[in-house]
Amino acid sequence: MQVLLFTLVGIALYFFADWVLRTIERLHGSPLPYRNVIYFVIILCLALLSFELLQQFASIETAL
């Protein structure tokens, strides 16, 4: 069950990071240089944060 949850969150993060990057580019007015690096940083930060929260939630759930 946990693997399925992590997979679904990863897929959602992929689309959310793409939306964030496109929003930043729209505000900037043109495509950003080093777009791939910026996308990687966005998805890395989101993944580390969300997967840590999921692990903490899972450990609390098993303790109950």
PDB file of N, CA and C in Angstrom:
ATOM      1  N   MET A   1       0.823  -1.195   0.000  1.00  0.00           N
ATOM      2  CA  MET A   1       0.000   0.000   0.000  1.00  0.00           C
ATOM      3  C   MET A   1       0.870   1.263   0.000  1.00  0.00           C
ATOM      4  N   GLN A   2       1.951   1.204   0.769  1.00  0.00           N
ATOM      5  CA  GLN A   2       2.826   2.367   0.875  1.00  0.00           C
ATOM      6  C   GLN A   2       3.515   2.657  -0.464  1.00  0.00           C
ATOM      7  N   VAL A   3       3.878   1.607  -1.191  1.00  0.00           N
ATOM      8  CA  VAL A   3       4.523   1.792  -2.492  1.00  0.00           C
ATOM      9  C   VAL A   3       3.565   2.477  -3.462  1.00  0.00           C
ATOM     10  N   LEU A   4       2.317   2.079  -3.443  1.00  0.00           N
ATOM     11  CA  LEU A   4       1.314   2.695  -4.305  1.00  0.00           C
ATOM     12  C   LEU A   4       1.137   4.172  -3.961  1.00  0.00           C
ATOM     13  N   LEU A   5       1.103   4.481  -2.679  1.00  0.00           N
ATOM     14  CA  LEU A   5       0.949   5.868  -2.244  1.00  0.00           C
ATOM     15  C   LEU A   5       2.138   6.723  -2.686  1.00  0.00           C
ATOM     16  N   PHE A   6       3.354   6.207  -2.516  1.00  0.00           N
ATOM     17  CA  PHE A   6       4.543   6.948  -2.938  1.00  0.00           C
ATOM     18  C   PHE A   6       4.542   7.154  -4.458  1.00  0.00           C
ATOM     19  N   THR A   7       4.091   6.149  -5.206  1.00  0.00           N
ATOM     20  CA  THR A   7       4.027   6.265  -6.659  1.00  0.00           C
ATOM     21  C   THR A   7       3.032   7.338  -7.082  1.00  0.00           C
ATOM     22  N   LEU A   8       1.858   7.330  -6.480  1.00  0.00           N
ATOM     23  CA  LEU A   8       0.843   8.329  -6.818  1.00  0.00           C
ATOM     24  C   LEU A   8       1.301   9.739  -6.457  1.00  0.00           C
ATOM     25  N   VAL A   9       1.960   9.880  -5.318  1.00  0.00           N
ATOM     26  CA  VAL A   9       2.478  11.192  -4.924  1.00  0.00           C
ATOM     27  C   VAL A   9       3.571  11.632  -5.894  1.00  0.00           C
ATOM     28  N   GLY A  10       4.420  10.710  -6.323  1.00  0.00           N
ATOM     29  CA  GLY A  10       5.462  11.040  -7.293  1.00  0.00           C
ATOM     30  C   GLY A  10       4.894  11.519  -8.617  1.00  0.00           C
ATOM     31  N   ILE A  11       3.840  10.872  -9.078  1.00  0.00           N
ATOM     32  CA  ILE A  11       3.188  11.292 -10.322  1.00  0.00           C
ATOM     33  C   ILE A  11       2.577  12.683 -10.162  1.00  0.00           C
ATOM     34  N   ALA A  12       1.917  12.908  -9.031  1.00  0.00           N
ATOM     35  CA  ALA A  12       1.324  14.226  -8.775  1.00  0.00           C
ATOM     36  C   ALA A  12       2.408  15.301  -8.699  1.00  0.00           C
ATOM     37  N   LEU A  13       3.540  14.981  -8.080  1.00  0.00           N
ATOM     38  CA  LEU A  13       4.639  15.946  -7.987  1.00  0.00           C
ATOM     39  C   LEU A  13       5.187  16.302  -9.363  1.00  0.00           C
ATOM     40  N   TYR A  14       5.243  15.329 -10.247  1.00  0.00           N
ATOM     41  CA  TYR A  14       5.719  15.565 -11.611  1.00  0.00           C
ATOM     42  C   TYR A  14       4.881  16.649 -12.290  1.00  0.00           C
ATOM     43  N   PHE A  15       3.565  16.489 -12.233  1.00  0.00           N
ATOM     44  CA  PHE A  15       2.679  17.458 -12.884  1.00  0.00           C
ATOM     45  C   PHE A  15       2.666  18.800 -12.148  1.00  0.00           C
ATOM     46  N   PHE A  16       2.730  18.766 -10.821  1.00  0.00           N
ATOM     47  CA  PHE A  16       2.729  20.010 -10.055  1.00  0.00           C
ATOM     48  C   PHE A  16       4.005  20.807 -10.308  1.00  0.00           C
ATOM     49  N   ALA A  17       5.151  20.135 -10.357  1.00  0.00           N
ATOM     50  CA  ALA A  17       6.415  20.827 -10.625  1.00  0.00           C
ATOM     51  C   ALA A  17       6.413  21.437 -12.025  1.00  0.00           C
ATOM     52  N   ASP A  18       5.825  20.736 -12.984  1.00  0.00           N
ATOM     53  CA  ASP A  18       5.714  21.283 -14.337  1.00  0.00           C
ATOM     54  C   ASP A  18       4.840  22.530 -14.337  1.00  0.00           C
ATOM     55  N   TRP A  19       3.727  22.490 -13.606  1.00  0.00           N
ATOM     56  CA  TRP A  19       2.837  23.652 -13.518  1.00  0.00           C
ATOM     57  C   TRP A  19       3.551  24.836 -12.863  1.00  0.00           C
ATOM     58  N   VAL A  20       4.315  24.574 -11.794  1.00  0.00           N
ATOM     59  CA  VAL A  20       5.052  25.643 -11.114  1.00  0.00           C
ATOM     60  C   VAL A  20       6.061  26.270 -12.070  1.00  0.00           C
ATOM     61  N   LEU A  21       6.783  25.441 -12.808  1.00  0.00           N
ATOM     62  CA  LEU A  21       7.786  25.959 -13.743  1.00  0.00           C
ATOM     63  C   LEU A  21       7.137  26.783 -14.853  1.00  0.00           C
ATOM     64  N   ARG A  22       6.033  26.297 -15.411  1.00  0.00           N
ATOM     65  CA  ARG A  22       5.346  27.066 -16.454  1.00  0.00           C
ATOM     66  C   ARG A  22       4.799  28.382 -15.914  1.00  0.00           C
ATOM     67  N   THR A  23       4.336  28.389 -14.662  1.00  0.00           N
ATOM     68  CA  THR A  23       3.847  29.627 -14.044  1.00  0.00           C
ATOM     69  C   THR A  23       4.989  30.622 -13.863  1.00  0.00           C
ATOM     70  N   ILE A  24       6.128  30.152 -13.412  1.00  0.00           N
ATOM     71  CA  ILE A  24       7.298  31.025 -13.249  1.00  0.00           C
ATOM     72  C   ILE A  24       7.715  31.593 -14.604  1.00  0.00           C
ATOM     73  N   GLU A  25       7.714  30.751 -15.639  1.00  0.00           N
ATOM     74  CA  GLU A  25       8.090  31.231 -16.973  1.00  0.00           C
ATOM     75  C   GLU A  25       7.082  32.249 -17.503  1.00  0.00           C
ATOM     76  N   ARG A  26       5.807  32.045 -17.219  1.00  0.00           N
ATOM     77  CA  ARG A  26       4.796  33.007 -17.661  1.00  0.00           C
ATOM     78  C   ARG A  26       5.015  34.351 -16.971  1.00  0.00           C
ATOM     79  N   LEU A  27       5.336  34.329 -15.682  1.00  0.00           N
ATOM     80  CA  LEU A  27       5.601  35.575 -14.959  1.00  0.00           C
ATOM     81  C   LEU A  27       6.885  36.238 -15.457  1.00  0.00           C
ATOM     82  N   HIS A  28       7.854  35.421 -15.825  1.00  0.00           N
ATOM     83  CA  HIS A  28       9.127  35.928 -16.333  1.00  0.00           C
ATOM     84  C   HIS A  28       8.964  36.512 -17.734  1.00  0.00           C
ATOM     85  N   GLY A  29       8.037  35.945 -18.499  1.00  0.00           N
ATOM     86  CA  GLY A  29       7.770  36.463 -19.836  1.00  0.00           C
ATOM     87  C   GLY A  29       8.450  35.719 -20.957  1.00  0.00           C
ATOM     88  N   SER A  30       9.334  34.808 -20.629  1.00  0.00           N
ATOM     89  CA  SER A  30      10.015  34.017 -21.648  1.00  0.00           C
ATOM     90  C   SER A  30      10.531  32.738 -20.998  1.00  0.00           C
ATOM     91  N   PRO A  31      10.889  31.755 -21.824  1.00  0.00           N
ATOM     92  CA  PRO A  31      11.455  30.529 -21.251  1.00  0.00           C
ATOM     93  C   PRO A  31      12.736  30.828 -20.472  1.00  0.00           C
ATOM     94  N   LEU A  32      12.873  30.172 -19.357  1.00  0.00           N
ATOM     95  CA  LEU A  32      14.038  30.403 -18.505  1.00  0.00           C
ATOM     96  C   LEU A  32      15.256  29.662 -19.044  1.00  0.00           C
ATOM     97  N   PRO A  33      16.427  30.261 -18.902  1.00  0.00           N
ATOM     98  CA  PRO A  33      17.638  29.514 -19.236  1.00  0.00           C
ATOM     99  C   PRO A  33      17.842  28.416 -18.185  1.00  0.00           C
ATOM    100  N   TYR A  34      18.425  27.319 -18.582  1.00  0.00           N
ATOM    101  CA  TYR A  34      18.652  26.175 -17.690  1.00  0.00           C
ATOM    102  C   TYR A  34      17.335  25.664 -17.102  1.00  0.00           C
ATOM    103  N   ARG A  35      16.330  25.580 -17.975  1.00  0.00           N
ATOM    104  CA  ARG A  35      14.987  25.160 -17.567  1.00  0.00           C
ATOM    105  C   ARG A  35      15.009  23.789 -16.891  1.00  0.00           C
ATOM    106  N   ASN A  36      15.816  22.861 -17.402  1.00  0.00           N
ATOM    107  CA  ASN A  36      15.875  21.511 -16.839  1.00  0.00           C
ATOM    108  C   ASN A  36      16.418  21.519 -15.419  1.00  0.00           C
ATOM    109  N   VAL A  37      17.396  22.353 -15.161  1.00  0.00           N
ATOM    110  CA  VAL A  37      17.975  22.433 -13.818  1.00  0.00           C
ATOM    111  C   VAL A  37      16.958  23.008 -12.838  1.00  0.00           C
ATOM    112  N   ILE A  38      16.243  24.029 -13.254  1.00  0.00           N
ATOM    113  CA  ILE A  38      15.232  24.642 -12.393  1.00  0.00           C
ATOM    114  C   ILE A  38      14.122  23.643 -12.099  1.00  0.00           C
ATOM    115  N   TYR A  39      13.693  22.886 -13.129  1.00  0.00           N
ATOM    116  CA  TYR A  39      12.670  21.861 -12.927  1.00  0.00           C
ATOM    117  C   TYR A  39      13.162  20.806 -11.939  1.00  0.00           C
ATOM    118  N   PHE A  40      14.409  20.386 -12.081  1.00  0.00           N
ATOM    119  CA  PHE A  40      14.976  19.385 -11.182  1.00  0.00           C
ATOM    120  C   PHE A  40      14.985  19.879  -9.742  1.00  0.00           C
ATOM    121  N   VAL A  41      15.367  21.118  -9.524  1.00  0.00           N
ATOM    122  CA  VAL A  41      15.400  21.673  -8.165  1.00  0.00           C
ATOM    123  C   VAL A  41      13.992  21.734  -7.577  1.00  0.00           C
ATOM    124  N   ILE A  42      13.021  22.140  -8.382  1.00  0.00           N
ATOM    125  CA  ILE A  42      11.640  22.222  -7.898  1.00  0.00           C
ATOM    126  C   ILE A  42      11.139  20.846  -7.494  1.00  0.00           C
ATOM    127  N   ILE A  43      11.291  19.853  -8.372  1.00  0.00           N
ATOM    128  CA  ILE A  43      10.751  18.529  -8.077  1.00  0.00           C
ATOM    129  C   ILE A  43      11.540  17.848  -6.957  1.00  0.00           C
ATOM    130  N   LEU A  44      12.830  18.121  -6.853  1.00  0.00           N
ATOM    131  CA  LEU A  44      13.627  17.547  -5.771  1.00  0.00           C
ATOM    132  C   LEU A  44      13.154  18.062  -4.419  1.00  0.00           C
ATOM    133  N   CYS A  45      12.973  19.363  -4.304  1.00  0.00           N
ATOM    134  CA  CYS A  45      12.502  19.938  -3.037  1.00  0.00           C
ATOM    135  C   CYS A  45      11.116  19.417  -2.670  1.00  0.00           C
ATOM    136  N   LEU A  46      10.226  19.383  -3.636  1.00  0.00           N
ATOM    137  CA  LEU A  46       8.876  18.876  -3.372  1.00  0.00           C
ATOM    138  C   LEU A  46       8.895  17.400  -2.988  1.00  0.00           C
ATOM    139  N   ALA A  47       9.717  16.608  -3.661  1.00  0.00           N
ATOM    140  CA  ALA A  47       9.783  15.178  -3.371  1.00  0.00           C
ATOM    141  C   ALA A  47      10.358  14.921  -1.982  1.00  0.00           C
ATOM    142  N   LEU A  48      11.437  15.596  -1.638  1.00  0.00           N
ATOM    143  CA  LEU A  48      12.023  15.399  -0.311  1.00  0.00           C
ATOM    144  C   LEU A  48      11.043  15.774   0.788  1.00  0.00           C
ATOM    145  N   LEU A  49      10.360  16.878   0.606  1.00  0.00           N
ATOM    146  CA  LEU A  49       9.397  17.328   1.605  1.00  0.00           C
ATOM    147  C   LEU A  49       8.209  16.374   1.710  1.00  0.00           C
ATOM    148  N   SER A  50       7.613  16.042   0.594  1.00  0.00           N
ATOM    149  CA  SER A  50       6.405  15.211   0.640  1.00  0.00           C
ATOM    150  C   SER A  50       6.711  13.779   1.071  1.00  0.00           C
ATOM    151  N   PHE A  51       7.819  13.196   0.628  1.00  0.00           N
ATOM    152  CA  PHE A  51       8.133  11.830   1.029  1.00  0.00           C
ATOM    153  C   PHE A  51       8.503  11.760   2.507  1.00  0.00           C
ATOM    154  N   GLU A  52       9.143  12.795   3.024  1.00  0.00           N
ATOM    155  CA  GLU A  52       9.432  12.834   4.463  1.00  0.00           C
ATOM    156  C   GLU A  52       8.133  12.909   5.259  1.00  0.00           C
ATOM    157  N   LEU A  53       7.210  13.743   4.803  1.00  0.00           N
ATOM    158  CA  LEU A  53       5.914  13.838   5.483  1.00  0.00           C
ATOM    159  C   LEU A  53       5.154  12.518   5.415  1.00  0.00           C
ATOM    160  N   LEU A  54       5.209  11.833   4.286  1.00  0.00           N
ATOM    161  CA  LEU A  54       4.547  10.536   4.159  1.00  0.00           C
ATOM    162  C   LEU A  54       5.159   9.500   5.093  1.00  0.00           C
ATOM    163  N   GLN A  55       6.475   9.498   5.222  1.00  0.00           N
ATOM    164  CA  GLN A  55       7.130   8.553   6.125  1.00  0.00           C
ATOM    165  C   GLN A  55       6.772   8.846   7.574  1.00  0.00           C
ATOM    166  N   GLN A  56       6.719  10.113   7.949  1.00  0.00           N
ATOM    167  CA  GLN A  56       6.322  10.457   9.312  1.00  0.00           C
ATOM    168  C   GLN A  56       4.880  10.062   9.570  1.00  0.00           C
ATOM    169  N   PHE A  57       4.019  10.285   8.602  1.00  0.00           N
ATOM    170  CA  PHE A  57       2.620   9.903   8.742  1.00  0.00           C
ATOM    171  C   PHE A  57       2.483   8.387   8.867  1.00  0.00           C
ATOM    172  N   ALA A  58       3.260   7.637   8.093  1.00  0.00           N
ATOM    173  CA  ALA A  58       3.207   6.177   8.144  1.00  0.00           C
ATOM    174  C   ALA A  58       3.718   5.656   9.481  1.00  0.00           C
ATOM    175  N   SER A  59       4.748   6.292  10.042  1.00  0.00           N
ATOM    176  CA  SER A  59       5.270   5.836  11.333  1.00  0.00           C
ATOM    177  C   SER A  59       4.290   6.148  12.456  1.00  0.00           C
ATOM    178  N   ILE A  60       3.578   7.252  12.369  1.00  0.00           N
ATOM    179  CA  ILE A  60       2.556   7.579  13.368  1.00  0.00           C
ATOM    180  C   ILE A  60       1.399   6.592  13.248  1.00  0.00           C
ATOM    181  N   GLU A  61       1.039   6.250  12.029  1.00  0.00           N
ATOM    182  CA  GLU A  61      -0.078   5.338  11.798  1.00  0.00           C
ATOM    183  C   GLU A  61       0.232   3.938  12.322  1.00  0.00           C
ATOM    184  N   THR A  62       1.471   3.470  12.169  1.00  0.00           N
ATOM    185  CA  THR A  62       1.829   2.139  12.655  1.00  0.00           C
ATOM    186  C   THR A  62       1.958   2.122  14.170  1.00  0.00           C
ATOM    187  N   ALA A  63       2.251   3.265  14.779  1.00  0.00           N
ATOM    188  CA  ALA A  63       2.375   3.329  16.239  1.00  0.00           C
ATOM    189  C   ALA A  63       1.017   3.232  16.921  1.00  0.00           C
ATOM    190  N   LEU A  64      -0.029   3.595  16.203  1.00  0.00           N
ATOM    191  CA  LEU A  64      -1.369   3.544  16.786  1.00  0.00           C
ATOM    192  C   LEU A  64      -1.840   2.163  16.776  1.00  0.00           C
TER     193      LEU A  64
END
